[in-house]
Amino acid sequence: MSRTPTNDTTTYDRILEAATEVIAQQGYSGAGVQEIVERAGASKGSFYFHFPSKEKMVEALVVRMSEKLVAKVQDSLEGQPTPLHRVAASVDTLMETFARQRTVAQVLLLSIIGHGRATDKRFLPIREGFSQLIQQELDAAADTGQIPAQDTALVAQMWVGAIHEVILRWLLTGKPSSLASVTPSLKAALLRSVGVDLATLDLHHPSATGRRLA
């Protein structure tokens, strides 16, 4: 188990930031501790002070990235007037975040998965957490009559799978050239899957704190 950073938090942060860059460029297997510490301006001693192994460092990196991502998504829900506005905002935020931070997407969704059971287990809660968030808002939408009653748990899993596939294809093939460009179409398709026409959903509702979701 890695030690909790105290007086040396700056080095801890630098190591994780350097690891993000190296893993994105070299892949998980090609990312060596020596290259990471050199890029971080740290030493192997400081690396192993915080992380007993490369695997534990990667686990910490996944937790760090996922917590920041979840915080951004949750922040986007504030002030949205209805459950469907909130779920639409969460999709927008997730796509926009990965579009702006391709390195994060590369590391989380492509470079790390499949390189260790412990790391994969760390990643699973990210998907489950986002799936639960979607399900919660879809349940609320069904309760308020915005959508018909349906298996929201299954629908939420399908949504997460569809979003993941679009982002993964972008990372692997570079298509679409702009991830943000497909967000409106993706969001419309997801909403249609629960019986909502995006054109009929007022995403410029005055109660939505001025956020534009389309």
C-alpha atoms as a PDB file:
ATOM      1  CA  MET A   1       0.000   0.000   0.000  1.00  0.00           C
ATOM      2  CA  SER A   2       1.399   3.418  -0.966  1.00  0.00           C
ATOM      3  CA  ARG A   3       2.182   5.880   1.769  1.00  0.00           C
ATOM      4  CA  THR A   4      -0.067   8.881   2.146  1.00  0.00           C
ATOM      5  CA  PRO A   5       1.835  11.982   0.987  1.00  0.00           C
ATOM      6  CA  THR A   6       2.396  14.546   3.741  1.00  0.00           C
ATOM      7  CA  ASN A   7       5.349  16.926   3.580  1.00  0.00           C
ATOM      8  CA  ASP A   8       6.321  15.821   0.085  1.00  0.00           C
ATOM      9  CA  THR A   9       3.015  16.294  -1.714  1.00  0.00           C
ATOM     10  CA  THR A  10       4.637  18.272  -4.536  1.00  0.00           C
ATOM     11  CA  THR A  11       6.878  15.345  -5.449  1.00  0.00           C
ATOM     12  CA  TYR A  12       3.929  12.979  -5.196  1.00  0.00           C
ATOM     13  CA  ASP A  13       1.945  15.138  -7.622  1.00  0.00           C
ATOM     14  CA  ARG A  14       4.889  15.509 -10.004  1.00  0.00           C
ATOM     15  CA  ILE A  15       5.377  11.760 -10.151  1.00  0.00           C
ATOM     16  CA  LEU A  16       1.717  11.147 -11.024  1.00  0.00           C
ATOM     17  CA  GLU A  17       1.721  13.929 -13.614  1.00  0.00           C
ATOM     18  CA  ALA A  18       4.884  12.538 -15.204  1.00  0.00           C
ATOM     19  CA  ALA A  19       3.433   9.026 -15.121  1.00  0.00           C
ATOM     20  CA  THR A  20       0.364  10.252 -16.999  1.00  0.00           C
ATOM     21  CA  GLU A  21       2.531  11.635 -19.794  1.00  0.00           C
ATOM     22  CA  VAL A  22       4.862   8.626 -19.997  1.00  0.00           C
ATOM     23  CA  ILE A  23       2.066   6.032 -19.947  1.00  0.00           C
ATOM     24  CA  ALA A  24       0.154   7.954 -22.620  1.00  0.00           C
ATOM     25  CA  GLN A  25       3.248   7.993 -24.847  1.00  0.00           C
ATOM     26  CA  GLN A  26       4.823   4.614 -24.099  1.00  0.00           C
ATOM     27  CA  GLY A  27       1.874   2.525 -22.943  1.00  0.00           C
ATOM     28  CA  TYR A  28       1.678   0.741 -19.616  1.00  0.00           C
ATOM     29  CA  SER A  29       4.323  -1.889 -20.337  1.00  0.00           C
ATOM     30  CA  GLY A  30       6.758   0.600 -21.861  1.00  0.00           C
ATOM     31  CA  ALA A  31       6.489   3.130 -19.037  1.00  0.00           C
ATOM     32  CA  GLY A  32       9.508   2.593 -16.797  1.00  0.00           C
ATOM     33  CA  VAL A  33       9.977   3.962 -13.325  1.00  0.00           C
ATOM     34  CA  GLN A  34      13.303   5.527 -14.326  1.00  0.00           C
ATOM     35  CA  GLU A  35      11.754   7.545 -17.150  1.00  0.00           C
ATOM     36  CA  ILE A  36       8.885   8.625 -14.898  1.00  0.00           C
ATOM     37  CA  VAL A  37      11.157   9.906 -12.126  1.00  0.00           C
ATOM     38  CA  GLU A  38      13.458  11.643 -14.590  1.00  0.00           C
ATOM     39  CA  ARG A  39      10.536  13.474 -16.126  1.00  0.00           C
ATOM     40  CA  ALA A  40       9.204  14.317 -12.657  1.00  0.00           C
ATOM     41  CA  GLY A  41      12.578  15.629 -11.527  1.00  0.00           C
ATOM     42  CA  ALA A  42      12.478  13.136  -8.688  1.00  0.00           C
ATOM     43  CA  SER A  43      14.498  10.158  -7.538  1.00  0.00           C
ATOM     44  CA  LYS A  44      13.743   6.473  -7.392  1.00  0.00           C
ATOM     45  CA  GLY A  45      13.945   6.758  -3.634  1.00  0.00           C
ATOM     46  CA  SER A  46      11.138   9.321  -3.566  1.00  0.00           C
ATOM     47  CA  PHE A  47       9.125   7.193  -5.987  1.00  0.00           C
ATOM     48  CA  TYR A  48       9.335   4.147  -3.750  1.00  0.00           C
ATOM     49  CA  PHE A  49       8.665   6.258  -0.673  1.00  0.00           C
ATOM     50  CA  HIS A  50       5.189   6.933  -2.030  1.00  0.00           C
ATOM     51  CA  PHE A  51       4.611   3.804  -4.105  1.00  0.00           C
ATOM     52  CA  PRO A  52       5.977   0.324  -3.321  1.00  0.00           C
ATOM     53  CA  SER A  53       5.614  -0.629  -6.984  1.00  0.00           C
ATOM     54  CA  LYS A  54       4.702   0.665 -10.410  1.00  0.00           C
ATOM     55  CA  GLU A  55       1.375  -1.152 -10.121  1.00  0.00           C
ATOM     56  CA  LYS A  56       0.485   0.697  -6.903  1.00  0.00           C
ATOM     57  CA  MET A  57       1.463   3.985  -8.524  1.00  0.00           C
ATOM     58  CA  VAL A  58      -0.889   3.270 -11.423  1.00  0.00           C
ATOM     59  CA  GLU A  59      -3.675   2.397  -9.016  1.00  0.00           C
ATOM     60  CA  ALA A  60      -3.171   5.771  -7.307  1.00  0.00           C
ATOM     61  CA  LEU A  61      -3.188   7.462 -10.710  1.00  0.00           C
ATOM     62  CA  VAL A  62      -6.513   5.852 -11.647  1.00  0.00           C
ATOM     63  CA  VAL A  63      -8.060   6.944  -8.349  1.00  0.00           C
ATOM     64  CA  ARG A  64      -6.765  10.496  -8.799  1.00  0.00           C
ATOM     65  CA  MET A  65      -8.078  10.799 -12.361  1.00  0.00           C
ATOM     66  CA  SER A  66     -11.437   9.236 -11.571  1.00  0.00           C
ATOM     67  CA  GLU A  67     -12.043  11.470  -8.562  1.00  0.00           C
ATOM     68  CA  LYS A  68     -11.388  14.585 -10.635  1.00  0.00           C
ATOM     69  CA  LEU A  69     -13.654  13.316 -13.411  1.00  0.00           C
ATOM     70  CA  VAL A  70     -16.506  12.472 -11.045  1.00  0.00           C
ATOM     71  CA  ALA A  71     -16.195  15.886  -9.377  1.00  0.00           C
ATOM     72  CA  LYS A  72     -16.500  17.637 -12.747  1.00  0.00           C
ATOM     73  CA  VAL A  73     -19.552  15.609 -13.716  1.00  0.00           C
ATOM     74  CA  GLN A  74     -21.248  16.193 -10.375  1.00  0.00           C
ATOM     75  CA  ASP A  75     -20.547  19.918 -10.591  1.00  0.00           C
ATOM     76  CA  SER A  76     -22.254  20.041 -13.997  1.00  0.00           C
ATOM     77  CA  LEU A  77     -25.511  18.836 -12.418  1.00  0.00           C
ATOM     78  CA  GLU A  78     -25.841  21.829 -10.117  1.00  0.00           C
ATOM     79  CA  GLY A  79     -28.701  24.139 -11.055  1.00  0.00           C
ATOM     80  CA  GLN A  80     -30.113  21.935 -13.809  1.00  0.00           C
ATOM     81  CA  PRO A  81     -33.929  22.079 -13.694  1.00  0.00           C
ATOM     82  CA  THR A  82     -34.927  18.466 -14.401  1.00  0.00           C
ATOM     83  CA  PRO A  83     -33.481  14.946 -14.290  1.00  0.00           C
ATOM     84  CA  LEU A  84     -33.117  14.852 -18.075  1.00  0.00           C
ATOM     85  CA  HIS A  85     -31.286  18.164 -18.055  1.00  0.00           C
ATOM     86  CA  ARG A  86     -28.936  16.721 -15.444  1.00  0.00           C
ATOM     87  CA  VAL A  87     -28.275  13.508 -17.336  1.00  0.00           C
ATOM     88  CA  ALA A  88     -27.696  15.451 -20.562  1.00  0.00           C
ATOM     89  CA  ALA A  89     -25.271  17.741 -18.724  1.00  0.00           C
ATOM     90  CA  SER A  90     -23.352  14.746 -17.387  1.00  0.00           C
ATOM     91  CA  VAL A  91     -22.867  13.353 -20.894  1.00  0.00           C
ATOM     92  CA  ASP A  92     -21.707  16.747 -22.156  1.00  0.00           C
ATOM     93  CA  THR A  93     -19.225  17.164 -19.323  1.00  0.00           C
ATOM     94  CA  LEU A  94     -17.760  13.692 -19.723  1.00  0.00           C
ATOM     95  CA  MET A  95     -17.277  14.095 -23.469  1.00  0.00           C
ATOM     96  CA  GLU A  96     -15.924  17.627 -23.183  1.00  0.00           C
ATOM     97  CA  THR A  97     -13.449  16.615 -20.476  1.00  0.00           C
ATOM     98  CA  PHE A  98     -11.995  13.773 -22.535  1.00  0.00           C
ATOM     99  CA  ALA A  99     -11.973  15.917 -25.679  1.00  0.00           C
ATOM    100  CA  ARG A 100      -9.878  18.564 -23.891  1.00  0.00           C
ATOM    101  CA  GLN A 101      -7.706  16.081 -22.013  1.00  0.00           C
ATOM    102  CA  ARG A 102      -6.858  13.411 -24.543  1.00  0.00           C
ATOM    103  CA  THR A 103      -3.904  12.239 -22.449  1.00  0.00           C
ATOM    104  CA  VAL A 104      -6.238  11.441 -19.551  1.00  0.00           C
ATOM    105  CA  ALA A 105      -8.556   9.545 -21.883  1.00  0.00           C
ATOM    106  CA  GLN A 106      -5.596   7.669 -23.345  1.00  0.00           C
ATOM    107  CA  VAL A 107      -4.350   6.577 -19.950  1.00  0.00           C
ATOM    108  CA  LEU A 108      -7.694   5.735 -18.353  1.00  0.00           C
ATOM    109  CA  LEU A 109      -9.465   4.063 -21.257  1.00  0.00           C
ATOM    110  CA  LEU A 110      -6.673   2.587 -23.354  1.00  0.00           C
ATOM    111  CA  SER A 111      -3.239   2.307 -21.772  1.00  0.00           C
ATOM    112  CA  ILE A 112      -4.031   0.901 -18.332  1.00  0.00           C
ATOM    113  CA  ILE A 113      -6.939  -1.503 -18.778  1.00  0.00           C
ATOM    114  CA  GLY A 114      -5.890  -5.122 -19.164  1.00  0.00           C
ATOM    115  CA  HIS A 115      -2.532  -4.749 -17.428  1.00  0.00           C
ATOM    116  CA  GLY A 116      -3.386  -6.168 -14.045  1.00  0.00           C
ATOM    117  CA  ARG A 117      -6.419  -7.334 -12.168  1.00  0.00           C
ATOM    118  CA  ALA A 118      -5.895  -4.863  -9.321  1.00  0.00           C
ATOM    119  CA  THR A 119      -5.717  -1.930 -11.726  1.00  0.00           C
ATOM    120  CA  ASP A 120      -8.755  -3.122 -13.657  1.00  0.00           C
ATOM    121  CA  LYS A 121     -10.680  -3.341 -10.388  1.00  0.00           C
ATOM    122  CA  ARG A 122      -9.745   0.261  -9.659  1.00  0.00           C
ATOM    123  CA  PHE A 123     -11.135   1.294 -13.032  1.00  0.00           C
ATOM    124  CA  LEU A 124     -14.433  -0.579 -12.676  1.00  0.00           C
ATOM    125  CA  PRO A 125     -15.889   1.800 -10.058  1.00  0.00           C
ATOM    126  CA  ILE A 126     -15.501   4.672 -12.537  1.00  0.00           C
ATOM    127  CA  ARG A 127     -17.856   2.973 -14.970  1.00  0.00           C
ATOM    128  CA  GLU A 128     -20.170   1.811 -12.212  1.00  0.00           C
ATOM    129  CA  GLY A 129     -20.251   5.236 -10.611  1.00  0.00           C
ATOM    130  CA  PHE A 130     -21.186   6.962 -13.848  1.00  0.00           C
ATOM    131  CA  SER A 131     -23.723   4.227 -14.630  1.00  0.00           C
ATOM    132  CA  GLN A 132     -25.333   4.710 -11.215  1.00  0.00           C
ATOM    133  CA  LEU A 133     -25.461   8.458 -11.724  1.00  0.00           C
ATOM    134  CA  ILE A 134     -27.256   7.978 -15.053  1.00  0.00           C
ATOM    135  CA  GLN A 135     -29.631   5.424 -13.551  1.00  0.00           C
ATOM    136  CA  GLN A 136     -30.462   7.743 -10.666  1.00  0.00           C
ATOM    137  CA  GLU A 137     -31.430  10.565 -13.004  1.00  0.00           C
ATOM    138  CA  LEU A 138     -33.374   8.243 -15.325  1.00  0.00           C
ATOM    139  CA  ASP A 139     -35.276   6.884 -12.321  1.00  0.00           C
ATOM    140  CA  ALA A 140     -36.119  10.444 -11.328  1.00  0.00           C
ATOM    141  CA  ALA A 141     -37.188  11.208 -14.904  1.00  0.00           C
ATOM    142  CA  ALA A 142     -39.488   8.168 -14.883  1.00  0.00           C
ATOM    143  CA  ASP A 143     -40.920   9.153 -11.486  1.00  0.00           C
ATOM    144  CA  THR A 144     -41.766  12.637 -12.791  1.00  0.00           C
ATOM    145  CA  GLY A 145     -43.202  11.332 -16.077  1.00  0.00           C
ATOM    146  CA  GLN A 146     -40.434  12.647 -18.312  1.00  0.00           C
ATOM    147  CA  ILE A 147     -39.785   9.144 -19.655  1.00  0.00           C
ATOM    148  CA  PRO A 148     -41.761   5.883 -19.621  1.00  0.00           C
ATOM    149  CA  ALA A 149     -41.034   3.321 -16.903  1.00  0.00           C
ATOM    150  CA  GLN A 150     -38.205   1.031 -18.030  1.00  0.00           C
ATOM    151  CA  ASP A 151     -35.166  -0.965 -16.911  1.00  0.00           C
ATOM    152  CA  THR A 152     -33.019   2.049 -16.078  1.00  0.00           C
ATOM    153  CA  ALA A 153     -30.133  -0.065 -14.760  1.00  0.00           C
ATOM    154  CA  LEU A 154     -29.765  -1.783 -18.134  1.00  0.00           C
ATOM    155  CA  VAL A 155     -30.215   1.483 -20.021  1.00  0.00           C
ATOM    156  CA  ALA A 156     -27.535   3.181 -17.912  1.00  0.00           C
ATOM    157  CA  GLN A 157     -25.088   0.358 -18.638  1.00  0.00           C
ATOM    158  CA  MET A 158     -25.847   0.704 -22.351  1.00  0.00           C
ATOM    159  CA  TRP A 159     -25.228   4.442 -22.192  1.00  0.00           C
ATOM    160  CA  VAL A 160     -21.854   3.996 -20.515  1.00  0.00           C
ATOM    161  CA  GLY A 161     -20.907   1.325 -23.054  1.00  0.00           C
ATOM    162  CA  ALA A 162     -21.870   3.560 -25.983  1.00  0.00           C
ATOM    163  CA  ILE A 163     -19.935   6.542 -24.605  1.00  0.00           C
ATOM    164  CA  HIS A 164     -16.900   4.364 -23.934  1.00  0.00           C
ATOM    165  CA  GLU A 165     -16.993   2.925 -27.470  1.00  0.00           C
ATOM    166  CA  VAL A 166     -17.156   6.365 -29.110  1.00  0.00           C
ATOM    167  CA  ILE A 167     -14.235   7.671 -27.044  1.00  0.00           C
ATOM    168  CA  LEU A 168     -12.184   4.504 -27.553  1.00  0.00           C
ATOM    169  CA  ARG A 169     -12.650   4.620 -31.330  1.00  0.00           C
ATOM    170  CA  TRP A 170     -11.545   8.270 -31.304  1.00  0.00           C
ATOM    171  CA  LEU A 171      -8.395   7.330 -29.394  1.00  0.00           C
ATOM    172  CA  LEU A 172      -7.565   4.391 -31.647  1.00  0.00           C
ATOM    173  CA  THR A 173      -8.442   5.796 -35.056  1.00  0.00           C
ATOM    174  CA  GLY A 174      -8.579   9.573 -34.662  1.00  0.00           C
ATOM    175  CA  LYS A 175     -12.174   9.517 -35.886  1.00  0.00           C
ATOM    176  CA  PRO A 176     -14.040  11.700 -35.461  1.00  0.00           C
ATOM    177  CA  SER A 177     -11.301  14.293 -35.704  1.00  0.00           C
ATOM    178  CA  SER A 178     -13.127  16.297 -33.047  1.00  0.00           C
ATOM    179  CA  LEU A 179     -14.720  14.309 -30.248  1.00  0.00           C
ATOM    180  CA  ALA A 180     -16.839  17.293 -29.257  1.00  0.00           C
ATOM    181  CA  SER A 181     -18.369  17.381 -32.735  1.00  0.00           C
ATOM    182  CA  VAL A 182     -20.228  14.097 -32.197  1.00  0.00           C
ATOM    183  CA  THR A 183     -21.488  14.884 -28.696  1.00  0.00           C
ATOM    184  CA  PRO A 184     -24.836  16.367 -29.825  1.00  0.00           C
ATOM    185  CA  SER A 185     -25.572  13.353 -32.041  1.00  0.00           C
ATOM    186  CA  LEU A 186     -24.510  10.907 -29.348  1.00  0.00           C
ATOM    187  CA  LYS A 187     -26.614  12.680 -26.754  1.00  0.00           C
ATOM    188  CA  ALA A 188     -29.629  12.698 -29.077  1.00  0.00           C
ATOM    189  CA  ALA A 189     -29.265   8.954 -29.735  1.00  0.00           C
ATOM    190  CA  LEU A 190     -28.979   8.192 -26.017  1.00  0.00           C
ATOM    191  CA  LEU A 191     -32.066  10.251 -25.199  1.00  0.00           C
ATOM    192  CA  ARG A 192     -34.018   8.580 -28.015  1.00  0.00           C
ATOM    193  CA  SER A 193     -33.224   5.228 -26.404  1.00  0.00           C
ATOM    194  CA  VAL A 194     -35.375   6.264 -23.426  1.00  0.00           C
ATOM    195  CA  GLY A 195     -38.129   7.779 -25.550  1.00  0.00           C
ATOM    196  CA  VAL A 196     -37.058  11.432 -25.592  1.00  0.00           C
ATOM    197  CA  ASP A 197     -36.622  13.609 -28.654  1.00  0.00           C
ATOM    198  CA  LEU A 198     -33.749  15.998 -28.038  1.00  0.00           C
ATOM    199  CA  ALA A 199     -35.501  18.635 -30.146  1.00  0.00           C
ATOM    200  CA  THR A 200     -38.417  18.690 -27.698  1.00  0.00           C
ATOM    201  CA  LEU A 201     -36.242  18.974 -24.592  1.00  0.00           C
ATOM    202  CA  ASP A 202     -35.695  22.617 -23.704  1.00  0.00           C
ATOM    203  CA  LEU A 203     -31.963  22.654 -23.014  1.00  0.00           C
ATOM    204  CA  HIS A 204     -32.018  26.426 -22.736  1.00  0.00           C
ATOM    205  CA  HIS A 205     -34.350  26.432 -19.766  1.00  0.00           C
ATOM    206  CA  PRO A 206     -33.831  29.666 -17.781  1.00  0.00           C
ATOM    207  CA  SER A 207     -33.388  27.649 -14.584  1.00  0.00           C
ATOM    208  CA  ALA A 208     -30.342  25.865 -15.981  1.00  0.00           C
ATOM    209  CA  THR A 209     -27.981  28.530 -14.592  1.00  0.00           C
ATOM    210  CA  GLY A 210     -27.118  29.728 -18.053  1.00  0.00           C
ATOM    211  CA  ARG A 211     -25.393  26.497 -19.093  1.00  0.00           C
ATOM    212  CA  ARG A 212     -25.765  25.521 -22.717  1.00  0.00           C
ATOM    213  CA  LEU A 213     -25.869  21.777 -23.092  1.00  0.00           C
ATOM    214  CA  ALA A 214     -26.238  21.381 -26.829  1.00  0.00           C
END
